[in-house]
Amino acid sequence: MKQRWSVQEIVASLEEQAAFHRDREAFHASQEVLHQEKRREHATELAELTRRLTEFQAVSTAAVELAGRNPQRAAVPAAEQQEDFGSASNPKLTLMVRSVLDELGAQEPFGPNGVLDEVTRRFGNRLRKKPDLRQVSDILRRLERSGRIHRLRGGRPHHESRYVREAPGS
């Protein structure tokens, strides 16, 4: 730094600094106006987007609820939906079959294929893999031997056995 400054050098330096700061102040003042305008534009856009987003979320939530409704599931009592059928790795298939049979009419004929399809449709999300038709046939034969269901017709190679819940003529 200079040891000795003349008065004219001091005045020139101060005027130069003042001019610089005056220029910067004017620049930032113009930037402030520009930034305020941009801020207002963005605030308006943000308000519009927030309103639309809220509307969309409300509508999409309602749509997801409607899509998730299953009219057939609503007909099944809530207590039956909560019944314990075991884990996915070790399901209680007999309880599932009985649950399906309980909803059939007393004289409504059914066979292993129909029961298997209904068990898969209703309880498929609780099963790791689809039950085998032989398993369902075994369960139906056991239920028939215990007297819970009655056989209408025995199975043949190309015709499945047919059962009803109550014996015909009773």
N, C-alpha and C. Protein backbone atom coordinates (compact mmCIF):
# COMPACT_ATOMS: atom_id res chain seq x y z
N MET A 1 0.83 -1.16 0.00
CA MET A 1 0.00 0.00 0.00
C MET A 1 0.88 1.24 0.00
N LYS A 2 0.36 2.29 -0.64
CA LYS A 2 1.12 3.53 -0.73
C LYS A 2 1.23 4.20 0.63
N GLN A 3 2.36 4.72 0.90
CA GLN A 3 2.56 5.42 2.15
C GLN A 3 1.96 6.81 2.11
N ARG A 4 2.12 7.44 1.00
CA ARG A 4 1.68 8.82 0.92
C ARG A 4 0.69 8.96 -0.22
N TRP A 5 -0.44 9.48 0.10
CA TRP A 5 -1.47 9.73 -0.89
C TRP A 5 -1.66 11.23 -1.01
N SER A 6 -1.83 11.62 -2.22
CA SER A 6 -2.17 13.03 -2.40
C SER A 6 -3.67 13.17 -2.28
N VAL A 7 -4.13 14.38 -2.04
CA VAL A 7 -5.55 14.65 -1.89
C VAL A 7 -6.27 14.30 -3.18
N GLN A 8 -5.69 14.61 -4.29
CA GLN A 8 -6.32 14.32 -5.58
C GLN A 8 -6.43 12.81 -5.82
N GLU A 9 -5.41 12.05 -5.39
CA GLU A 9 -5.46 10.61 -5.55
C GLU A 9 -6.55 10.01 -4.63
N ILE A 10 -6.66 10.55 -3.44
CA ILE A 10 -7.68 10.07 -2.51
C ILE A 10 -9.06 10.34 -3.09
N VAL A 11 -9.29 11.55 -3.59
CA VAL A 11 -10.59 11.93 -4.16
C VAL A 11 -10.87 11.06 -5.38
N ALA A 12 -9.91 10.84 -6.24
CA ALA A 12 -10.09 10.04 -7.45
C ALA A 12 -10.44 8.60 -7.07
N SER A 13 -9.73 8.07 -6.10
CA SER A 13 -9.98 6.70 -5.66
C SER A 13 -11.38 6.57 -5.06
N LEU A 14 -11.76 7.53 -4.22
CA LEU A 14 -13.09 7.49 -3.61
C LEU A 14 -14.18 7.64 -4.66
N GLU A 15 -13.98 8.54 -5.64
CA GLU A 15 -14.96 8.72 -6.70
C GLU A 15 -15.08 7.46 -7.55
N GLU A 16 -13.93 6.81 -7.79
CA GLU A 16 -13.94 5.57 -8.57
C GLU A 16 -14.71 4.47 -7.82
N GLN A 17 -14.46 4.34 -6.52
CA GLN A 17 -15.18 3.34 -5.71
C GLN A 17 -16.67 3.65 -5.65
N ALA A 18 -17.00 4.96 -5.52
CA ALA A 18 -18.40 5.36 -5.46
C ALA A 18 -19.09 5.04 -6.78
N ALA A 19 -18.42 5.29 -7.90
CA ALA A 19 -18.99 5.00 -9.22
C ALA A 19 -19.22 3.49 -9.37
N PHE A 20 -18.24 2.72 -8.91
CA PHE A 20 -18.37 1.26 -8.99
C PHE A 20 -19.58 0.79 -8.18
N HIS A 21 -19.68 1.25 -6.94
CA HIS A 21 -20.78 0.82 -6.09
C HIS A 21 -22.13 1.36 -6.56
N ARG A 22 -22.16 2.55 -7.16
CA ARG A 22 -23.38 3.10 -7.73
C ARG A 22 -23.83 2.22 -8.89
N ASP A 23 -22.88 1.80 -9.72
CA ASP A 23 -23.17 0.93 -10.86
C ASP A 23 -23.70 -0.43 -10.37
N ARG A 24 -23.06 -1.01 -9.37
CA ARG A 24 -23.49 -2.30 -8.82
C ARG A 24 -24.86 -2.19 -8.16
N GLU A 25 -25.11 -1.08 -7.47
CA GLU A 25 -26.41 -0.87 -6.84
C GLU A 25 -27.50 -0.80 -7.90
N ALA A 26 -27.25 -0.07 -8.98
CA ALA A 26 -28.23 0.03 -10.06
C ALA A 26 -28.46 -1.35 -10.70
N PHE A 27 -27.36 -2.06 -10.91
CA PHE A 27 -27.48 -3.40 -11.49
C PHE A 27 -28.34 -4.30 -10.60
N HIS A 28 -28.06 -4.33 -9.31
CA HIS A 28 -28.80 -5.19 -8.41
C HIS A 28 -30.24 -4.72 -8.22
N ALA A 29 -30.48 -3.44 -8.31
CA ALA A 29 -31.85 -2.93 -8.24
C ALA A 29 -32.65 -3.43 -9.43
N SER A 30 -32.03 -3.41 -10.62
CA SER A 30 -32.73 -3.92 -11.80
C SER A 30 -32.93 -5.45 -11.67
N GLN A 31 -31.95 -6.11 -11.12
CA GLN A 31 -32.08 -7.55 -10.90
C GLN A 31 -33.18 -7.85 -9.87
N GLU A 32 -33.29 -6.99 -8.87
CA GLU A 32 -34.31 -7.17 -7.84
C GLU A 32 -35.70 -7.07 -8.46
N VAL A 33 -35.91 -6.12 -9.36
CA VAL A 33 -37.19 -5.98 -10.05
C VAL A 33 -37.46 -7.23 -10.89
N LEU A 34 -36.42 -7.65 -11.62
CA LEU A 34 -36.57 -8.85 -12.45
C LEU A 34 -36.88 -10.07 -11.57
N HIS A 35 -36.16 -10.21 -10.47
CA HIS A 35 -36.38 -11.36 -9.58
C HIS A 35 -37.76 -11.31 -8.93
N GLN A 36 -38.25 -10.11 -8.60
CA GLN A 36 -39.59 -10.01 -8.03
C GLN A 36 -40.64 -10.44 -9.06
N GLU A 37 -40.43 -10.04 -10.32
CA GLU A 37 -41.36 -10.45 -11.37
C GLU A 37 -41.34 -11.97 -11.54
N LYS A 38 -40.14 -12.53 -11.60
CA LYS A 38 -40.00 -13.98 -11.75
C LYS A 38 -40.60 -14.70 -10.54
N ARG A 39 -40.39 -14.14 -9.35
CA ARG A 39 -40.94 -14.75 -8.14
C ARG A 39 -42.46 -14.77 -8.21
N ARG A 40 -43.08 -13.67 -8.65
CA ARG A 40 -44.53 -13.63 -8.78
C ARG A 40 -45.01 -14.67 -9.79
N GLU A 41 -44.31 -14.77 -10.94
CA GLU A 41 -44.69 -15.76 -11.95
C GLU A 41 -44.64 -17.18 -11.38
N HIS A 42 -43.55 -17.48 -10.69
CA HIS A 42 -43.38 -18.83 -10.13
C HIS A 42 -44.38 -19.09 -9.01
N ALA A 43 -44.69 -18.08 -8.22
CA ALA A 43 -45.67 -18.26 -7.14
C ALA A 43 -47.05 -18.55 -7.72
N THR A 44 -47.40 -17.88 -8.81
CA THR A 44 -48.69 -18.12 -9.48
C THR A 44 -48.73 -19.54 -10.04
N GLU A 45 -47.66 -19.94 -10.72
CA GLU A 45 -47.60 -21.30 -11.28
C GLU A 45 -47.64 -22.35 -10.18
N LEU A 46 -46.92 -22.10 -9.08
CA LEU A 46 -46.91 -23.03 -7.96
C LEU A 46 -48.30 -23.20 -7.36
N ALA A 47 -49.02 -22.10 -7.21
CA ALA A 47 -50.37 -22.17 -6.66
C ALA A 47 -51.28 -22.99 -7.58
N GLU A 48 -51.19 -22.78 -8.88
CA GLU A 48 -52.00 -23.52 -9.83
C GLU A 48 -51.64 -25.01 -9.82
N LEU A 49 -50.36 -25.31 -9.84
CA LEU A 49 -49.93 -26.71 -9.82
C LEU A 49 -50.33 -27.40 -8.52
N THR A 50 -50.22 -26.73 -7.41
CA THR A 50 -50.60 -27.30 -6.12
C THR A 50 -52.09 -27.61 -6.10
N ARG A 51 -52.89 -26.70 -6.62
CA ARG A 51 -54.33 -26.94 -6.68
C ARG A 51 -54.64 -28.14 -7.56
N ARG A 52 -54.02 -28.21 -8.74
CA ARG A 52 -54.26 -29.33 -9.66
C ARG A 52 -53.78 -30.65 -9.06
N LEU A 53 -52.63 -30.62 -8.39
CA LEU A 53 -52.09 -31.82 -7.78
C LEU A 53 -53.03 -32.33 -6.69
N THR A 54 -53.56 -31.45 -5.89
CA THR A 54 -54.50 -31.84 -4.84
C THR A 54 -55.75 -32.47 -5.45
N GLU A 55 -56.27 -31.85 -6.51
CA GLU A 55 -57.44 -32.40 -7.19
C GLU A 55 -57.14 -33.79 -7.76
N PHE A 56 -55.98 -33.91 -8.39
CA PHE A 56 -55.59 -35.19 -9.00
C PHE A 56 -55.46 -36.28 -7.94
N GLN A 57 -54.83 -35.95 -6.82
CA GLN A 57 -54.66 -36.94 -5.76
C GLN A 57 -56.01 -37.40 -5.21
N ALA A 58 -56.93 -36.48 -5.06
CA ALA A 58 -58.26 -36.84 -4.56
C ALA A 58 -58.98 -37.76 -5.54
N VAL A 59 -58.92 -37.42 -6.83
CA VAL A 59 -59.58 -38.22 -7.85
C VAL A 59 -58.90 -39.58 -7.99
N SER A 60 -57.57 -39.61 -7.98
CA SER A 60 -56.86 -40.88 -8.15
C SER A 60 -57.10 -41.80 -6.96
N THR A 61 -57.19 -41.24 -5.76
CA THR A 61 -57.47 -42.06 -4.58
C THR A 61 -58.84 -42.71 -4.71
N ALA A 62 -59.81 -41.93 -5.16
CA ALA A 62 -61.15 -42.47 -5.35
C ALA A 62 -61.15 -43.55 -6.44
N ALA A 63 -60.39 -43.32 -7.52
CA ALA A 63 -60.33 -44.29 -8.61
C ALA A 63 -59.68 -45.59 -8.15
N VAL A 64 -58.63 -45.49 -7.35
CA VAL A 64 -57.96 -46.69 -6.84
C VAL A 64 -58.90 -47.47 -5.93
N GLU A 65 -59.67 -46.76 -5.10
CA GLU A 65 -60.63 -47.44 -4.23
C GLU A 65 -61.68 -48.17 -5.05
N LEU A 66 -62.17 -47.51 -6.12
CA LEU A 66 -63.17 -48.16 -6.98
C LEU A 66 -62.57 -49.36 -7.69
N ALA A 67 -61.35 -49.23 -8.18
CA ALA A 67 -60.72 -50.34 -8.88
C ALA A 67 -60.44 -51.51 -7.95
N GLY A 68 -60.18 -51.23 -6.70
CA GLY A 68 -59.86 -52.27 -5.74
C GLY A 68 -61.08 -53.00 -5.20
N ARG A 69 -62.26 -52.46 -5.45
CA ARG A 69 -63.47 -53.14 -4.97
C ARG A 69 -63.71 -54.38 -5.80
N ASN A 70 -64.12 -55.43 -5.14
CA ASN A 70 -64.46 -56.67 -5.82
C ASN A 70 -65.89 -57.01 -5.42
N PRO A 71 -66.85 -56.86 -6.34
CA PRO A 71 -68.25 -57.07 -5.96
C PRO A 71 -68.51 -58.48 -5.45
N GLN A 72 -67.81 -59.47 -5.95
CA GLN A 72 -68.01 -60.83 -5.48
C GLN A 72 -67.49 -60.98 -4.06
N ARG A 73 -66.41 -60.30 -3.73
CA ARG A 73 -65.82 -60.37 -2.40
C ARG A 73 -66.71 -59.66 -1.39
N ALA A 74 -67.40 -58.61 -1.83
CA ALA A 74 -68.27 -57.87 -0.93
C ALA A 74 -69.45 -58.75 -0.49
N ALA A 75 -69.85 -59.70 -1.33
CA ALA A 75 -70.97 -60.58 -0.99
C ALA A 75 -70.60 -61.59 0.09
N VAL A 76 -69.29 -61.88 0.23
CA VAL A 76 -68.84 -62.83 1.24
C VAL A 76 -68.77 -62.11 2.58
N PRO A 77 -69.32 -62.66 3.63
CA PRO A 77 -69.28 -62.00 4.93
C PRO A 77 -67.85 -61.72 5.38
N ALA A 78 -67.65 -60.64 6.11
CA ALA A 78 -66.31 -60.23 6.55
C ALA A 78 -65.69 -61.28 7.46
N ALA A 79 -66.49 -61.96 8.28
CA ALA A 79 -65.93 -62.98 9.18
C ALA A 79 -65.32 -64.12 8.39
N GLU A 80 -65.94 -64.47 7.26
CA GLU A 80 -65.43 -65.56 6.46
C GLU A 80 -64.15 -65.15 5.74
N GLN A 81 -64.04 -63.88 5.36
CA GLN A 81 -62.83 -63.40 4.70
C GLN A 81 -61.63 -63.46 5.65
N GLN A 82 -61.89 -63.29 6.94
CA GLN A 82 -60.82 -63.26 7.92
C GLN A 82 -60.47 -64.65 8.47
N GLU A 83 -61.17 -65.69 8.04
CA GLU A 83 -60.93 -67.03 8.56
C GLU A 83 -59.49 -67.46 8.27
N ASP A 84 -58.90 -68.18 9.20
CA ASP A 84 -57.52 -68.62 9.07
C ASP A 84 -57.46 -69.88 8.22
N PHE A 85 -56.82 -69.79 7.07
CA PHE A 85 -56.66 -70.93 6.18
C PHE A 85 -55.22 -71.42 6.14
N GLY A 86 -54.43 -71.02 7.11
CA GLY A 86 -53.04 -71.45 7.17
C GLY A 86 -52.14 -70.55 6.35
N SER A 87 -50.85 -70.89 6.37
CA SER A 87 -49.88 -70.08 5.63
C SER A 87 -49.90 -70.46 4.15
N ALA A 88 -49.25 -69.63 3.34
CA ALA A 88 -49.21 -69.90 1.90
C ALA A 88 -48.43 -71.17 1.60
N SER A 89 -47.46 -71.50 2.45
CA SER A 89 -46.67 -72.71 2.21
C SER A 89 -47.38 -73.97 2.69
N ASN A 90 -48.31 -73.83 3.63
CA ASN A 90 -49.03 -74.99 4.16
C ASN A 90 -50.50 -74.62 4.37
N PRO A 91 -51.23 -74.40 3.27
CA PRO A 91 -52.62 -73.97 3.40
C PRO A 91 -53.53 -75.12 3.84
N LYS A 92 -54.62 -74.75 4.48
CA LYS A 92 -55.64 -75.73 4.88
C LYS A 92 -56.67 -75.81 3.76
N LEU A 93 -56.32 -76.59 2.75
CA LEU A 93 -57.13 -76.68 1.54
C LEU A 93 -58.53 -77.21 1.84
N THR A 94 -58.66 -78.11 2.80
CA THR A 94 -59.97 -78.65 3.15
C THR A 94 -60.90 -77.54 3.64
N LEU A 95 -60.37 -76.63 4.45
CA LEU A 95 -61.19 -75.51 4.93
C LEU A 95 -61.60 -74.59 3.77
N MET A 96 -60.71 -74.42 2.83
CA MET A 96 -61.03 -73.59 1.66
C MET A 96 -62.14 -74.24 0.85
N VAL A 97 -62.03 -75.56 0.63
CA VAL A 97 -63.06 -76.28 -0.14
C VAL A 97 -64.39 -76.21 0.59
N ARG A 98 -64.39 -76.42 1.91
CA ARG A 98 -65.64 -76.34 2.68
C ARG A 98 -66.26 -74.95 2.58
N SER A 99 -65.42 -73.93 2.62
CA SER A 99 -65.92 -72.55 2.52
C SER A 99 -66.61 -72.33 1.18
N VAL A 100 -66.03 -72.87 0.11
CA VAL A 100 -66.63 -72.74 -1.22
C VAL A 100 -67.94 -73.52 -1.27
N LEU A 101 -67.95 -74.73 -0.71
CA LEU A 101 -69.16 -75.56 -0.75
C LEU A 101 -70.30 -74.96 0.07
N ASP A 102 -69.97 -74.26 1.15
CA ASP A 102 -71.01 -73.65 1.99
C ASP A 102 -71.82 -72.61 1.23
N GLU A 103 -71.28 -72.04 0.20
CA GLU A 103 -71.99 -71.02 -0.55
C GLU A 103 -72.84 -71.60 -1.68
N LEU A 104 -72.69 -72.87 -1.94
CA LEU A 104 -73.49 -73.49 -3.00
C LEU A 104 -74.88 -73.85 -2.48
N GLY A 105 -75.82 -73.92 -3.41
CA GLY A 105 -77.17 -74.34 -3.04
C GLY A 105 -77.18 -75.81 -2.66
N ALA A 106 -78.21 -76.23 -1.93
CA ALA A 106 -78.28 -77.61 -1.42
C ALA A 106 -78.32 -78.63 -2.56
N GLN A 107 -78.99 -78.32 -3.66
CA GLN A 107 -79.12 -79.25 -4.77
C GLN A 107 -78.30 -78.82 -5.99
N GLU A 108 -77.39 -77.89 -5.81
CA GLU A 108 -76.56 -77.40 -6.92
C GLU A 108 -75.41 -78.38 -7.15
N PRO A 109 -75.36 -79.02 -8.33
CA PRO A 109 -74.30 -80.00 -8.59
C PRO A 109 -72.95 -79.31 -8.79
N PHE A 110 -71.90 -79.98 -8.36
CA PHE A 110 -70.54 -79.45 -8.53
C PHE A 110 -69.59 -80.61 -8.69
N GLY A 111 -68.43 -80.29 -9.24
CA GLY A 111 -67.39 -81.28 -9.44
C GLY A 111 -66.04 -80.72 -9.01
N PRO A 112 -65.02 -81.54 -9.03
CA PRO A 112 -63.70 -81.10 -8.58
C PRO A 112 -63.14 -79.92 -9.38
N ASN A 113 -63.39 -79.89 -10.69
CA ASN A 113 -62.85 -78.79 -11.50
C ASN A 113 -63.45 -77.45 -11.10
N GLY A 114 -64.75 -77.41 -10.93
CA GLY A 114 -65.40 -76.16 -10.54
C GLY A 114 -64.97 -75.70 -9.15
N VAL A 115 -64.86 -76.66 -8.24
CA VAL A 115 -64.42 -76.31 -6.88
C VAL A 115 -62.99 -75.80 -6.91
N LEU A 116 -62.12 -76.46 -7.67
CA LEU A 116 -60.73 -76.03 -7.79
C LEU A 116 -60.64 -74.61 -8.35
N ASP A 117 -61.43 -74.33 -9.39
CA ASP A 117 -61.42 -72.99 -9.98
C ASP A 117 -61.86 -71.93 -8.97
N GLU A 118 -62.89 -72.24 -8.20
CA GLU A 118 -63.39 -71.29 -7.22
C GLU A 118 -62.40 -71.09 -6.08
N VAL A 119 -61.78 -72.17 -5.62
CA VAL A 119 -60.75 -72.06 -4.57
C VAL A 119 -59.60 -71.20 -5.08
N THR A 120 -59.17 -71.44 -6.30
CA THR A 120 -58.06 -70.66 -6.87
C THR A 120 -58.44 -69.19 -7.02
N ARG A 121 -59.66 -68.93 -7.46
CA ARG A 121 -60.10 -67.55 -7.64
C ARG A 121 -60.18 -66.83 -6.30
N ARG A 122 -60.79 -67.45 -5.30
CA ARG A 122 -61.00 -66.79 -4.02
C ARG A 122 -59.77 -66.75 -3.12
N PHE A 123 -58.98 -67.80 -3.16
CA PHE A 123 -57.87 -67.91 -2.21
C PHE A 123 -56.50 -67.96 -2.88
N GLY A 124 -56.46 -67.68 -4.18
CA GLY A 124 -55.19 -67.77 -4.91
C GLY A 124 -54.09 -66.88 -4.36
N ASN A 125 -54.48 -65.72 -3.81
CA ASN A 125 -53.46 -64.82 -3.26
C ASN A 125 -52.88 -65.36 -1.95
N ARG A 126 -53.54 -66.33 -1.33
CA ARG A 126 -53.04 -66.93 -0.09
C ARG A 126 -52.25 -68.21 -0.34
N LEU A 127 -52.19 -68.63 -1.59
CA LEU A 127 -51.52 -69.89 -1.93
C LEU A 127 -50.22 -69.63 -2.67
N ARG A 128 -49.21 -70.40 -2.34
CA ARG A 128 -47.94 -70.24 -3.03
C ARG A 128 -48.04 -70.81 -4.44
N LYS A 129 -48.74 -71.95 -4.57
CA LYS A 129 -48.96 -72.55 -5.89
C LYS A 129 -50.39 -73.07 -5.97
N LYS A 130 -50.87 -73.22 -7.18
CA LYS A 130 -52.24 -73.67 -7.40
C LYS A 130 -52.39 -75.12 -6.91
N PRO A 131 -53.46 -75.40 -6.17
CA PRO A 131 -53.66 -76.79 -5.72
C PRO A 131 -53.87 -77.72 -6.90
N ASP A 132 -53.57 -78.98 -6.70
CA ASP A 132 -53.72 -79.99 -7.73
C ASP A 132 -55.18 -80.49 -7.74
N LEU A 133 -55.67 -80.84 -8.91
CA LEU A 133 -57.03 -81.35 -9.04
C LEU A 133 -57.22 -82.62 -8.21
N ARG A 134 -56.19 -83.43 -8.11
CA ARG A 134 -56.28 -84.66 -7.31
C ARG A 134 -56.51 -84.35 -5.84
N GLN A 135 -55.89 -83.29 -5.35
CA GLN A 135 -56.09 -82.91 -3.95
C GLN A 135 -57.56 -82.57 -3.69
N VAL A 136 -58.14 -81.79 -4.60
CA VAL A 136 -59.54 -81.40 -4.45
C VAL A 136 -60.44 -82.63 -4.56
N SER A 137 -60.13 -83.54 -5.49
CA SER A 137 -60.92 -84.78 -5.63
C SER A 137 -60.84 -85.61 -4.35
N ASP A 138 -59.65 -85.71 -3.76
CA ASP A 138 -59.51 -86.46 -2.50
C ASP A 138 -60.35 -85.83 -1.39
N ILE A 139 -60.33 -84.53 -1.30
CA ILE A 139 -61.11 -83.83 -0.27
C ILE A 139 -62.59 -84.09 -0.47
N LEU A 140 -63.06 -84.01 -1.73
CA LEU A 140 -64.48 -84.25 -2.00
C LEU A 140 -64.86 -85.70 -1.66
N ARG A 141 -64.00 -86.66 -1.96
CA ARG A 141 -64.29 -88.06 -1.62
C ARG A 141 -64.37 -88.24 -0.11
N ARG A 142 -63.46 -87.60 0.63
CA ARG A 142 -63.49 -87.68 2.10
C ARG A 142 -64.78 -87.08 2.65
N LEU A 143 -65.18 -85.92 2.11
CA LEU A 143 -66.41 -85.27 2.55
C LEU A 143 -67.62 -86.15 2.22
N GLU A 144 -67.56 -86.86 1.10
CA GLU A 144 -68.65 -87.75 0.71
C GLU A 144 -68.72 -88.95 1.65
N ARG A 145 -67.56 -89.52 2.01
CA ARG A 145 -67.54 -90.66 2.94
C ARG A 145 -68.04 -90.26 4.32
N SER A 146 -67.78 -89.01 4.73
CA SER A 146 -68.22 -88.56 6.06
C SER A 146 -69.69 -88.12 6.05
N GLY A 147 -70.32 -88.08 4.87
CA GLY A 147 -71.73 -87.74 4.78
C GLY A 147 -72.01 -86.25 4.66
N ARG A 148 -71.01 -85.43 4.53
CA ARG A 148 -71.23 -83.98 4.39
C ARG A 148 -71.75 -83.60 3.01
N ILE A 149 -71.35 -84.35 1.98
CA ILE A 149 -71.85 -84.15 0.62
C ILE A 149 -72.26 -85.51 0.07
N HIS A 150 -72.97 -85.51 -1.05
CA HIS A 150 -73.47 -86.75 -1.63
C HIS A 150 -73.11 -86.81 -3.10
N ARG A 151 -72.72 -88.02 -3.52
CA ARG A 151 -72.29 -88.21 -4.91
C ARG A 151 -73.52 -88.45 -5.79
N LEU A 152 -73.61 -87.69 -6.88
CA LEU A 152 -74.67 -87.91 -7.87
C LEU A 152 -74.22 -88.93 -8.90
N ARG A 153 -72.95 -88.82 -9.29
CA ARG A 153 -72.43 -89.67 -10.35
C ARG A 153 -70.94 -89.89 -10.09
N GLY A 154 -70.50 -91.12 -10.27
CA GLY A 154 -69.08 -91.43 -10.13
C GLY A 154 -68.30 -90.94 -11.33
N GLY A 155 -67.04 -90.73 -11.15
CA GLY A 155 -66.20 -90.23 -12.23
C GLY A 155 -65.86 -91.30 -13.25
N ARG A 156 -65.64 -90.88 -14.47
CA ARG A 156 -65.21 -91.74 -15.57
C ARG A 156 -63.98 -91.07 -16.18
N PRO A 157 -63.28 -91.77 -17.08
CA PRO A 157 -62.07 -91.15 -17.63
C PRO A 157 -62.28 -89.76 -18.26
N HIS A 158 -63.44 -89.53 -18.86
CA HIS A 158 -63.67 -88.23 -19.49
C HIS A 158 -64.81 -87.46 -18.85
N HIS A 159 -65.28 -87.89 -17.72
CA HIS A 159 -66.37 -87.22 -17.00
C HIS A 159 -66.03 -87.21 -15.52
N GLU A 160 -66.03 -86.03 -14.95
CA GLU A 160 -65.70 -85.95 -13.53
C GLU A 160 -66.89 -86.37 -12.66
N SER A 161 -66.59 -86.69 -11.42
CA SER A 161 -67.65 -87.00 -10.46
C SER A 161 -68.47 -85.76 -10.21
N ARG A 162 -69.74 -85.97 -9.89
CA ARG A 162 -70.63 -84.85 -9.58
C ARG A 162 -71.19 -85.07 -8.18
N TYR A 163 -71.27 -84.00 -7.42
CA TYR A 163 -71.73 -84.06 -6.04
C TYR A 163 -72.79 -82.98 -5.81
N VAL A 164 -73.55 -83.14 -4.71
CA VAL A 164 -74.47 -82.11 -4.22
C VAL A 164 -74.30 -82.06 -2.70
N ARG A 165 -74.73 -80.96 -2.08
CA ARG A 165 -74.58 -80.84 -0.63
C ARG A 165 -75.59 -81.71 0.12
N GLU A 166 -76.82 -81.78 -0.38
CA GLU A 166 -77.85 -82.60 0.29
C GLU A 166 -78.26 -83.72 -0.65
N ALA A 167 -78.58 -84.84 -0.08
CA ALA A 167 -78.95 -86.02 -0.88
C ALA A 167 -80.21 -85.72 -1.69
N PRO A 168 -80.26 -86.19 -2.94
CA PRO A 168 -81.47 -85.97 -3.75
C PRO A 168 -82.67 -86.67 -3.11
N GLY A 169 -83.79 -85.99 -3.14
CA GLY A 169 -85.02 -86.55 -2.62
C GLY A 169 -85.16 -86.39 -1.13
N SER A 170 -84.29 -85.64 -0.49
CA SER A 170 -84.44 -85.44 0.97
C SER A 170 -84.86 -84.05 1.30
